[in-house]
Amino acid sequence: MNKTIRILNENDYPFYEEMDTGIEFDYVGRIFDRLAAGNNRLYGLFLDDQLVSVGGYSIYAKSYAMLGRLRSDCRFLGNGFSTVVMSHVLNEVLKLDGIQWVGANTQEHNMSAQRVLEKIGLTPRITLHGALTKDTSALESGAEPWTPVTDLERKKEWVSQAYIQTGAIFPYECYYPFPGSANLFQEDDLKQWSFFENADKTRFVITKYDQKKHHYLHAVYLWDDITSQPGLWETIANDYRKLLRQTDDETYIWMDLTKEEAKKLPDNHQFKLPSPWVLYGMEKA
């Protein structure tokens, strides 16, 4: 059999339909055309004219590449095709101008995907729950909400101190956290995102809107004292109620929590804690 890897386009969808991925509700198939266009690319490994493995990438903030969309035909497992196609995808990404960091997100229980990522040179950085809730009352203390930060220069000071200078992981979107750099914090985003700081100006929280399957108020907080900061959850709850008035569909608060942070939640918390995701990554040499 002749083995080839090439970039895919929307006209290749029939090949994808013929794959037996074993995934009942596969988002890659539903948005195949979008994943092969714009800042996204899909690559397919073919045996003659049969598509047996797929992988791709998306570009964020012009300098971050996220690998993913790894799918393989169950009838061809055990041949190392997943590693071959993802190695090819990584090599293509590393040729792109401006890319500084390459990463991938996979669920903690997906050991086969993790083995592929490690084989191509990515290492684990952080494990995060995408914690969801509609009710923060168990974390509220009745304290006053934090003060809105409207000054752009003050916002820049906060993100520089907390993320750019330290390289701390910043949840840029739901499902897409990246190590901090100046490229993640463009002025247009900073103007749009809501910032709030506590009374003694030692803590801040960012709230921003995101939509994947549902609507989300994405709350970004760097420190691990989410259960002991008076006014933090009152602040988040206020912004959530504002978003609810603007949406007409399922709407949640999303906060990325480490396992340790999730364990600190009170027993009566109302968060859904789905299986955590492991962020892998590598700096471009």
Protein backbone atom coordinates (compact mmCIF):
# COMPACT_ATOMS: atom_id res chain seq x y z
CA MET A 1 0.00 0.00 0.00
CA ASN A 2 1.13 3.54 -0.77
CA LYS A 3 1.29 5.77 2.36
CA THR A 4 0.90 9.53 1.91
CA ILE A 5 0.13 12.54 4.12
CA ARG A 6 -1.46 15.66 2.71
CA ILE A 7 -3.43 18.69 3.80
CA LEU A 8 -7.20 18.21 3.75
CA ASN A 9 -9.92 20.54 2.49
CA GLU A 10 -13.71 20.55 2.70
CA ASN A 11 -13.95 18.32 -0.37
CA ASP A 12 -12.20 15.54 1.57
CA TYR A 13 -15.11 15.12 3.98
CA PRO A 14 -16.37 11.92 2.24
CA PHE A 15 -13.03 10.27 3.08
CA TYR A 16 -13.52 11.27 6.72
CA GLU A 17 -17.06 9.87 6.73
CA GLU A 18 -15.68 6.49 5.72
CA MET A 19 -13.40 6.32 8.77
CA ASP A 20 -14.44 4.16 11.71
CA THR A 21 -13.28 6.38 14.58
CA GLY A 22 -15.47 4.74 17.24
CA ILE A 23 -16.65 8.20 18.31
CA GLU A 24 -20.43 8.46 18.36
CA PHE A 25 -20.79 12.25 18.46
CA ASP A 26 -17.67 13.57 16.76
CA TYR A 27 -17.34 17.36 16.64
CA VAL A 28 -14.56 17.09 14.04
CA GLY A 29 -17.02 15.68 11.54
CA ARG A 30 -19.65 18.30 12.37
CA ILE A 31 -17.31 21.24 11.70
CA PHE A 32 -14.92 19.59 9.25
CA ASP A 33 -15.07 22.49 6.77
CA ARG A 34 -14.15 25.05 9.46
CA LEU A 35 -11.28 22.95 10.78
CA ALA A 36 -9.74 22.93 7.32
CA ALA A 37 -9.87 26.70 6.77
CA GLY A 38 -8.81 30.05 8.26
CA ASN A 39 -6.35 29.64 11.14
CA ASN A 40 -7.01 25.89 11.18
CA ARG A 41 -5.49 23.04 9.22
CA LEU A 42 -6.23 19.33 8.94
CA TYR A 43 -3.85 16.70 7.59
CA GLY A 44 -4.73 13.18 6.57
CA LEU A 45 -2.67 10.01 6.34
CA PHE A 46 -3.85 7.83 3.46
CA LEU A 47 -3.18 4.23 2.58
CA ASP A 48 -3.76 4.36 -1.16
CA ASP A 49 -7.11 6.17 -1.29
CA GLN A 50 -8.27 5.30 2.25
CA LEU A 51 -8.00 7.92 5.00
CA VAL A 52 -6.76 6.16 8.15
CA SER A 53 -5.56 8.94 10.47
CA VAL A 54 -6.19 12.67 10.86
CA GLY A 55 -4.53 15.46 12.85
CA GLY A 56 -4.42 19.22 12.70
CA TYR A 57 -3.69 22.52 14.34
CA SER A 58 -5.15 25.95 15.09
CA ILE A 59 -3.30 29.23 15.51
CA TYR A 60 -4.11 31.60 18.40
CA ALA A 61 -2.80 35.11 19.02
CA LYS A 62 -0.53 34.70 15.97
CA SER A 63 2.19 32.93 17.96
CA TYR A 64 0.55 29.89 19.60
CA ALA A 65 -0.22 26.67 17.74
CA MET A 66 -2.52 24.10 19.29
CA LEU A 67 -2.30 20.57 17.91
CA GLY A 68 -5.36 18.35 17.99
CA ARG A 69 -8.24 16.74 16.09
CA LEU A 70 -6.40 13.42 16.32
CA ARG A 71 -8.62 10.73 14.85
CA SER A 72 -7.73 7.25 13.65
CA ASP A 73 -9.61 4.48 11.95
CA CYS A 74 -10.12 1.72 14.51
CA ARG A 75 -9.40 -0.90 11.82
CA PHE A 76 -5.82 0.34 11.55
CA LEU A 77 -4.86 0.82 15.20
CA GLY A 78 -1.48 -0.42 16.36
CA ASN A 79 0.41 0.72 13.28
CA GLY A 80 1.70 3.97 14.75
CA PHE A 81 -0.21 6.11 12.25
CA SER A 82 -1.35 8.58 14.92
CA THR A 83 2.25 9.35 15.82
CA VAL A 84 3.24 9.64 12.17
CA VAL A 85 0.49 12.11 11.29
CA MET A 86 0.97 14.24 14.43
CA SER A 87 4.73 14.34 13.89
CA HIS A 88 4.02 15.62 10.39
CA VAL A 89 1.61 18.24 11.74
CA LEU A 90 4.20 19.41 14.28
CA ASN A 91 6.86 19.73 11.59
CA GLU A 92 4.49 21.81 9.46
CA VAL A 93 3.72 24.09 12.41
CA LEU A 94 7.39 24.63 13.17
CA LYS A 95 7.88 25.97 9.64
CA LEU A 96 5.41 28.80 10.25
CA ASP A 97 6.72 32.29 10.88
CA GLY A 98 5.96 33.82 14.27
CA ILE A 99 5.10 30.63 16.16
CA GLN A 100 6.69 30.70 19.60
CA TRP A 101 4.91 27.86 21.39
CA VAL A 102 3.23 24.61 20.34
CA GLY A 103 0.80 22.78 22.58
CA ALA A 104 -2.00 20.25 22.79
CA ASN A 105 -4.81 19.54 25.22
CA THR A 106 -6.00 16.03 25.96
CA GLN A 107 -8.23 14.53 28.62
CA GLU A 108 -6.43 12.99 31.56
CA HIS A 109 -7.79 9.50 30.88
CA ASN A 110 -6.72 9.54 27.20
CA MET A 111 -3.42 7.78 27.70
CA SER A 112 -3.01 6.85 24.04
CA ALA A 113 -3.14 10.51 22.97
CA GLN A 114 -0.69 11.43 25.72
CA ARG A 115 1.76 8.80 24.49
CA VAL A 116 1.57 10.27 20.99
CA LEU A 117 2.23 13.80 22.26
CA GLU A 118 5.20 12.66 24.33
CA LYS A 119 6.65 10.73 21.38
CA ILE A 120 6.67 13.88 19.26
CA GLY A 121 8.40 15.89 21.99
CA LEU A 122 5.67 17.70 23.94
CA THR A 123 5.71 17.63 27.74
CA PRO A 124 2.87 18.12 30.27
CA ARG A 125 2.51 21.62 31.73
CA ILE A 126 -0.66 21.71 33.82
CA THR A 127 -3.84 19.74 34.47
CA LEU A 128 -7.09 21.71 34.65
CA HIS A 129 -10.77 21.09 35.22
CA GLY A 130 -13.08 23.19 33.07
CA ALA A 131 -15.32 23.77 36.10
CA LEU A 132 -18.88 24.89 35.32
CA THR A 133 -21.63 26.32 37.48
CA LYS A 134 -24.76 28.45 37.44
CA ASP A 135 -24.77 28.94 41.21
CA THR A 136 -21.91 30.43 43.24
CA SER A 137 -23.87 30.96 46.46
CA ALA A 138 -21.84 28.34 48.37
CA LEU A 139 -18.73 30.48 47.81
CA GLU A 140 -20.25 33.88 48.50
CA SER A 141 -19.80 35.56 51.88
CA GLY A 142 -21.93 38.66 51.46
CA ALA A 143 -18.86 40.85 50.96
CA GLU A 144 -18.82 43.82 48.63
CA PRO A 145 -17.94 43.07 44.99
CA TRP A 146 -14.52 44.15 43.80
CA THR A 147 -13.85 47.45 42.05
CA PRO A 148 -14.02 47.50 38.24
CA VAL A 149 -10.76 48.40 36.51
CA THR A 150 -11.48 50.59 33.50
CA ASP A 151 -8.07 52.15 32.94
CA LEU A 152 -6.26 50.36 30.12
CA GLU A 153 -2.82 51.03 31.58
CA ARG A 154 -3.85 49.48 34.88
CA LYS A 155 -5.07 46.38 33.04
CA LYS A 156 -1.71 46.19 31.28
CA GLU A 157 0.08 46.45 34.62
CA TRP A 158 -1.93 43.56 36.03
CA VAL A 159 -1.38 41.16 33.12
CA SER A 160 2.29 42.07 32.85
CA GLN A 161 2.87 41.39 36.54
CA ALA A 162 0.77 38.23 36.73
CA TYR A 163 1.31 36.54 33.36
CA ILE A 164 3.76 38.15 30.95
CA GLN A 165 6.69 38.42 33.36
CA THR A 166 6.08 35.00 34.89
CA GLY A 167 4.87 32.90 31.94
CA ALA A 168 1.99 31.66 34.12
CA ILE A 169 -0.71 29.72 32.31
CA PHE A 170 -3.45 32.03 31.04
CA PRO A 171 -6.81 30.57 29.94
CA TYR A 172 -7.10 32.50 26.67
CA GLU A 173 -10.36 30.75 25.76
CA CYS A 174 -12.36 27.91 27.20
CA TYR A 175 -10.30 24.75 26.43
CA TYR A 176 -7.29 26.82 25.33
CA PRO A 177 -4.83 27.85 28.07
CA PHE A 178 -1.39 29.10 27.09
CA PRO A 179 1.76 30.23 28.90
CA GLY A 180 1.62 34.00 29.29
CA SER A 181 3.26 36.36 26.82
CA ALA A 182 2.54 39.84 25.50
CA ASN A 183 0.90 38.38 22.38
CA LEU A 184 -1.99 37.02 24.44
CA PHE A 185 -2.97 40.47 25.67
CA GLN A 186 -3.78 42.69 22.72
CA GLU A 187 -5.28 46.10 23.47
CA ASP A 188 -8.60 45.28 21.80
CA ASP A 189 -9.00 42.24 24.06
CA LEU A 190 -7.99 44.12 27.19
CA LYS A 191 -10.57 46.80 26.41
CA GLN A 192 -13.27 44.18 25.94
CA TRP A 193 -12.45 41.98 28.95
CA SER A 194 -13.72 43.06 32.37
CA PHE A 195 -11.13 43.45 35.14
CA PHE A 196 -11.88 43.78 38.86
CA GLU A 197 -9.44 44.27 41.75
CA ASN A 198 -9.91 43.76 45.47
CA ALA A 199 -9.83 46.58 48.01
CA ASP A 200 -6.14 46.27 48.91
CA LYS A 201 -5.15 45.84 45.23
CA THR A 202 -3.41 42.51 45.78
CA ARG A 203 -5.74 40.40 43.64
CA PHE A 204 -7.63 40.78 40.38
CA VAL A 205 -10.03 38.69 38.34
CA ILE A 206 -10.85 38.84 34.63
CA THR A 207 -14.26 37.97 33.25
CA LYS A 208 -14.81 37.55 29.53
CA TYR A 209 -17.42 36.07 27.22
CA ASP A 210 -16.91 32.83 25.31
CA GLN A 211 -19.13 30.51 23.36
CA LYS A 212 -18.45 26.94 22.43
CA LYS A 213 -21.46 24.61 22.68
CA HIS A 214 -23.02 26.97 25.26
CA HIS A 215 -22.51 30.54 26.46
CA TYR A 216 -19.86 31.07 29.13
CA LEU A 217 -18.72 33.78 31.46
CA HIS A 218 -15.08 32.76 31.56
CA ALA A 219 -13.66 33.83 34.93
CA VAL A 220 -9.86 33.91 35.08
CA TYR A 221 -8.19 34.04 38.49
CA LEU A 222 -4.51 33.28 39.03
CA TRP A 223 -4.28 32.51 42.75
CA ASP A 224 -5.27 29.34 44.65
CA ASP A 225 -7.30 31.14 47.37
CA ILE A 226 -10.65 31.05 45.54
CA THR A 227 -12.51 30.04 48.72
CA SER A 228 -11.07 32.75 50.99
CA GLN A 229 -11.10 36.00 49.02
CA PRO A 230 -14.06 38.12 50.20
CA GLY A 231 -16.02 39.58 47.31
CA LEU A 232 -14.47 37.44 44.58
CA TRP A 233 -17.55 35.34 43.95
CA GLU A 234 -19.93 38.23 44.43
CA THR A 235 -18.01 39.95 41.63
CA ILE A 236 -18.20 36.93 39.33
CA ALA A 237 -21.88 36.35 40.14
CA ASN A 238 -22.74 39.97 39.29
CA ASP A 239 -21.11 39.70 35.89
CA TYR A 240 -22.78 36.34 35.29
CA ARG A 241 -26.21 37.84 35.92
CA LYS A 242 -25.42 40.58 33.40
CA LEU A 243 -24.54 37.95 30.79
CA LEU A 244 -27.70 35.97 31.53
CA ARG A 245 -29.77 39.00 30.57
CA GLN A 246 -28.10 39.00 27.14
CA THR A 247 -28.32 35.30 26.26
CA ASP A 248 -31.28 33.09 25.46
CA ASP A 249 -29.60 29.69 25.77
CA GLU A 250 -27.67 27.60 28.30
CA THR A 251 -25.22 29.92 30.07
CA TYR A 252 -22.58 28.98 32.63
CA ILE A 253 -19.69 30.34 34.62
CA TRP A 254 -16.47 28.61 33.52
CA MET A 255 -13.36 28.69 35.68
CA ASP A 256 -10.24 26.63 35.04
CA LEU A 257 -9.27 24.89 38.28
CA THR A 258 -6.35 22.67 39.13
CA LYS A 259 -7.11 19.44 40.98
CA GLU A 260 -5.82 21.02 44.17
CA GLU A 261 -8.11 24.02 43.78
CA ALA A 262 -11.09 21.78 43.03
CA LYS A 263 -10.46 19.85 46.27
CA LYS A 264 -10.72 23.11 48.24
CA LEU A 265 -14.28 23.77 47.08
CA PRO A 266 -16.85 23.49 49.89
CA ASP A 267 -18.87 20.30 50.12
CA ASN A 268 -22.04 22.08 48.99
CA HIS A 269 -20.49 23.67 45.89
CA GLN A 270 -22.51 23.59 42.70
CA PHE A 271 -19.67 23.16 40.22
CA LYS A 272 -19.64 20.42 37.62
CA LEU A 273 -16.11 19.04 37.49
CA PRO A 274 -15.71 17.08 34.25
CA SER A 275 -12.65 14.97 33.61
CA PRO A 276 -9.62 17.29 33.66
CA TRP A 277 -7.54 18.18 30.64
CA VAL A 278 -3.76 17.95 30.50
CA LEU A 279 -1.99 20.77 28.67
CA TYR A 280 1.15 19.66 26.82
CA GLY A 281 3.57 22.04 25.19
CA MET A 282 6.99 22.98 23.92
CA GLU A 283 8.78 26.23 23.18
CA LYS A 284 9.83 26.69 19.57
CA ALA A 285 13.61 26.63 19.43
